[in-house]
N, C-alpha and C. Protein backbone atom coordinates (compact mmCIF):
# COMPACT_ATOMS: atom_id res chain seq x y z
N MET A 1 -97.81 -161.77 4.63
CA MET A 1 -97.17 -162.89 5.28
C MET A 1 -96.99 -162.54 6.75
N PRO A 2 -97.81 -163.11 7.64
CA PRO A 2 -97.67 -162.83 9.07
C PRO A 2 -96.35 -163.37 9.63
N LEU A 3 -95.72 -162.56 10.47
CA LEU A 3 -94.53 -162.97 11.21
C LEU A 3 -94.80 -162.67 12.68
N ILE A 4 -94.85 -163.71 13.49
CA ILE A 4 -95.10 -163.57 14.91
C ILE A 4 -93.81 -163.89 15.64
N GLN A 5 -93.33 -162.96 16.45
CA GLN A 5 -92.09 -163.14 17.20
C GLN A 5 -92.43 -163.15 18.69
N ILE A 6 -91.99 -164.21 19.36
CA ILE A 6 -92.26 -164.37 20.79
C ILE A 6 -90.92 -164.46 21.50
N LYS A 7 -90.77 -163.70 22.56
CA LYS A 7 -89.57 -163.79 23.39
C LYS A 7 -89.99 -164.25 24.77
N GLY A 8 -89.16 -165.09 25.37
CA GLY A 8 -89.45 -165.57 26.71
C GLY A 8 -88.17 -165.93 27.43
N VAL A 9 -88.30 -166.14 28.72
CA VAL A 9 -87.14 -166.50 29.53
C VAL A 9 -86.72 -167.92 29.19
N GLY A 10 -85.46 -168.08 28.78
CA GLY A 10 -84.93 -169.38 28.41
C GLY A 10 -84.97 -170.36 29.57
N GLY A 11 -85.21 -171.63 29.25
CA GLY A 11 -85.24 -172.67 30.26
C GLY A 11 -86.59 -172.87 30.90
N TYR A 12 -87.56 -172.01 30.58
CA TYR A 12 -88.88 -172.13 31.22
C TYR A 12 -89.78 -173.12 30.46
N LEU A 13 -89.87 -172.96 29.15
CA LEU A 13 -90.72 -173.85 28.35
C LEU A 13 -89.92 -174.99 27.76
N THR A 14 -90.53 -176.15 27.68
CA THR A 14 -89.92 -177.29 27.00
C THR A 14 -90.12 -177.11 25.49
N LEU A 15 -89.40 -177.92 24.72
CA LEU A 15 -89.57 -177.90 23.26
C LEU A 15 -91.02 -178.21 22.90
N GLU A 16 -91.62 -179.17 23.57
CA GLU A 16 -93.01 -179.55 23.29
C GLU A 16 -93.96 -178.39 23.57
N GLN A 17 -93.72 -177.65 24.66
CA GLN A 17 -94.57 -176.50 24.97
C GLN A 17 -94.41 -175.40 23.92
N LYS A 18 -93.19 -175.19 23.45
CA LYS A 18 -92.97 -174.20 22.41
C LYS A 18 -93.68 -174.59 21.12
N GLN A 19 -93.64 -175.86 20.77
CA GLN A 19 -94.31 -176.32 19.56
C GLN A 19 -95.82 -176.17 19.69
N ASP A 20 -96.37 -176.43 20.86
CA ASP A 20 -97.79 -176.23 21.12
C ASP A 20 -98.14 -174.75 21.00
N MET A 21 -97.28 -173.89 21.53
CA MET A 21 -97.50 -172.45 21.43
C MET A 21 -97.50 -172.00 19.97
N ILE A 22 -96.57 -172.52 19.19
CA ILE A 22 -96.51 -172.17 17.76
C ILE A 22 -97.83 -172.52 17.07
N ARG A 23 -98.34 -173.72 17.33
CA ARG A 23 -99.61 -174.13 16.71
C ARG A 23 -100.76 -173.22 17.15
N LYS A 24 -100.84 -172.96 18.45
CA LYS A 24 -101.97 -172.19 18.96
C LYS A 24 -101.91 -170.72 18.55
N VAL A 25 -100.73 -170.14 18.54
CA VAL A 25 -100.60 -168.74 18.11
C VAL A 25 -100.91 -168.62 16.63
N THR A 26 -100.44 -169.57 15.84
CA THR A 26 -100.76 -169.57 14.41
C THR A 26 -102.27 -169.63 14.21
N ASP A 27 -102.94 -170.55 14.91
CA ASP A 27 -104.39 -170.67 14.79
C ASP A 27 -105.09 -169.36 15.18
N ALA A 28 -104.62 -168.71 16.25
CA ALA A 28 -105.24 -167.46 16.70
C ALA A 28 -105.09 -166.35 15.66
N VAL A 29 -103.89 -166.21 15.10
CA VAL A 29 -103.66 -165.17 14.10
C VAL A 29 -104.50 -165.43 12.85
N LEU A 30 -104.53 -166.69 12.43
CA LEU A 30 -105.28 -167.01 11.21
C LEU A 30 -106.78 -166.91 11.39
N SER A 31 -107.26 -167.00 12.63
CA SER A 31 -108.69 -166.82 12.87
C SER A 31 -109.12 -165.39 12.55
N VAL A 32 -108.15 -164.47 12.55
CA VAL A 32 -108.42 -163.07 12.20
C VAL A 32 -108.00 -162.78 10.75
N GLU A 33 -106.81 -163.23 10.38
CA GLU A 33 -106.25 -162.88 9.07
C GLU A 33 -106.71 -163.77 7.92
N GLY A 34 -107.16 -164.97 8.23
CA GLY A 34 -107.65 -165.86 7.19
C GLY A 34 -106.80 -167.10 7.02
N GLU A 35 -107.46 -168.23 6.91
CA GLU A 35 -106.80 -169.53 6.82
C GLU A 35 -105.89 -169.66 5.61
N GLY A 36 -106.17 -168.90 4.56
CA GLY A 36 -105.36 -168.98 3.35
C GLY A 36 -103.91 -168.58 3.56
N LEU A 37 -103.61 -167.93 4.68
CA LEU A 37 -102.23 -167.49 4.96
C LEU A 37 -101.43 -168.50 5.79
N ARG A 38 -102.01 -169.66 6.09
CA ARG A 38 -101.33 -170.64 6.95
C ARG A 38 -99.93 -170.98 6.43
N ASN A 39 -99.80 -171.24 5.14
CA ASN A 39 -98.50 -171.67 4.60
C ASN A 39 -97.44 -170.57 4.56
N VAL A 40 -97.84 -169.34 4.83
CA VAL A 40 -96.86 -168.25 4.84
C VAL A 40 -96.82 -167.54 6.19
N THR A 41 -97.34 -168.19 7.22
CA THR A 41 -97.33 -167.62 8.57
C THR A 41 -96.13 -168.17 9.33
N TRP A 42 -95.27 -167.28 9.78
CA TRP A 42 -94.04 -167.64 10.48
C TRP A 42 -94.20 -167.33 11.96
N VAL A 43 -93.73 -168.23 12.81
CA VAL A 43 -93.68 -167.99 14.25
C VAL A 43 -92.27 -168.32 14.71
N THR A 44 -91.65 -167.38 15.41
CA THR A 44 -90.33 -167.65 16.00
C THR A 44 -90.43 -167.44 17.50
N ILE A 45 -89.72 -168.30 18.23
CA ILE A 45 -89.64 -168.17 19.68
C ILE A 45 -88.17 -167.99 20.03
N GLU A 46 -87.87 -166.88 20.68
CA GLU A 46 -86.50 -166.57 21.06
C GLU A 46 -86.37 -166.63 22.57
N ASP A 47 -85.40 -167.41 23.04
CA ASP A 47 -85.13 -167.49 24.48
C ASP A 47 -84.17 -166.38 24.89
N VAL A 48 -84.53 -165.70 25.96
CA VAL A 48 -83.66 -164.70 26.57
C VAL A 48 -83.05 -165.35 27.81
N GLN A 49 -81.78 -165.17 27.99
CA GLN A 49 -81.08 -165.79 29.11
C GLN A 49 -81.76 -165.43 30.43
N PRO A 50 -82.03 -166.43 31.30
CA PRO A 50 -82.62 -166.13 32.60
C PRO A 50 -81.79 -165.08 33.34
N GLY A 51 -82.47 -164.11 33.92
CA GLY A 51 -81.79 -163.02 34.60
C GLY A 51 -81.49 -161.84 33.70
N ALA A 52 -81.54 -162.04 32.38
CA ALA A 52 -81.33 -160.96 31.43
C ALA A 52 -82.67 -160.38 30.97
N TRP A 53 -83.71 -160.74 31.65
CA TRP A 53 -85.06 -160.28 31.39
C TRP A 53 -85.53 -159.65 32.68
N GLY A 54 -86.15 -158.51 32.64
CA GLY A 54 -86.57 -157.87 33.87
C GLY A 54 -87.96 -157.28 33.78
N VAL A 55 -88.62 -157.22 34.92
CA VAL A 55 -89.94 -156.61 35.03
C VAL A 55 -89.92 -155.70 36.25
N GLY A 56 -90.31 -154.48 36.07
CA GLY A 56 -90.36 -153.55 37.18
C GLY A 56 -89.00 -153.28 37.81
N GLY A 57 -87.95 -153.42 37.02
CA GLY A 57 -86.61 -153.18 37.51
C GLY A 57 -85.96 -154.39 38.17
N ASN A 58 -86.66 -155.53 38.16
CA ASN A 58 -86.15 -156.74 38.79
C ASN A 58 -85.88 -157.82 37.75
N PRO A 59 -84.71 -158.47 37.81
CA PRO A 59 -84.44 -159.56 36.88
C PRO A 59 -85.38 -160.73 37.14
N VAL A 60 -85.73 -161.45 36.06
CA VAL A 60 -86.64 -162.59 36.14
C VAL A 60 -85.91 -163.83 35.63
N THR A 61 -86.05 -164.93 36.36
CA THR A 61 -85.45 -166.20 35.94
C THR A 61 -86.55 -167.20 35.63
N ASP A 62 -86.15 -168.32 35.06
CA ASP A 62 -87.12 -169.38 34.77
C ASP A 62 -87.75 -169.90 36.07
N GLU A 63 -86.97 -169.97 37.14
CA GLU A 63 -87.54 -170.41 38.42
C GLU A 63 -88.55 -169.41 38.95
N ASP A 64 -88.30 -168.12 38.78
CA ASP A 64 -89.29 -167.11 39.18
C ASP A 64 -90.62 -167.34 38.47
N LEU A 65 -90.56 -167.68 37.18
CA LEU A 65 -91.79 -167.93 36.43
C LEU A 65 -92.51 -169.17 36.92
N ARG A 66 -91.76 -170.21 37.27
CA ARG A 66 -92.38 -171.43 37.80
C ARG A 66 -93.11 -171.14 39.11
N VAL A 67 -92.49 -170.36 39.98
CA VAL A 67 -93.12 -170.00 41.25
C VAL A 67 -94.40 -169.20 40.98
N LEU A 68 -94.32 -168.23 40.09
CA LEU A 68 -95.48 -167.41 39.75
C LEU A 68 -96.60 -168.26 39.15
N ALA A 69 -96.26 -169.18 38.27
CA ALA A 69 -97.27 -170.04 37.63
C ALA A 69 -97.96 -170.91 38.67
N ARG A 70 -97.21 -171.42 39.65
CA ARG A 70 -97.81 -172.25 40.71
C ARG A 70 -98.75 -171.41 41.56
N GLN A 71 -98.35 -170.17 41.88
CA GLN A 71 -99.18 -169.29 42.70
C GLN A 71 -100.49 -168.96 41.98
N THR A 72 -100.39 -168.66 40.70
CA THR A 72 -101.56 -168.31 39.91
C THR A 72 -102.49 -169.50 39.77
N ALA A 73 -101.94 -170.70 39.57
CA ALA A 73 -102.74 -171.90 39.39
C ALA A 73 -103.45 -172.31 40.68
N SER A 74 -102.84 -172.03 41.82
CA SER A 74 -103.43 -172.47 43.09
C SER A 74 -104.38 -171.44 43.70
N GLY A 75 -104.52 -170.33 43.04
CA GLY A 75 -105.53 -169.46 43.53
C GLY A 75 -105.16 -168.10 43.82
């Protein structure tokens, strides 16, 4: 029974984006493990309070992620 746990900065993704992520991650895992496990594949998404998540010793907020996503998308 696959259990996929995802943690992310709270406030960054909408409910719809999280639901899309659940579908896509499930599909990716089952492409390796086998479609027969779909009904027993669990995906959880846990929000970590903005600022309580850090990278390289620096706290990260949902706004930091939005800025980074815009920079990456624009080139």
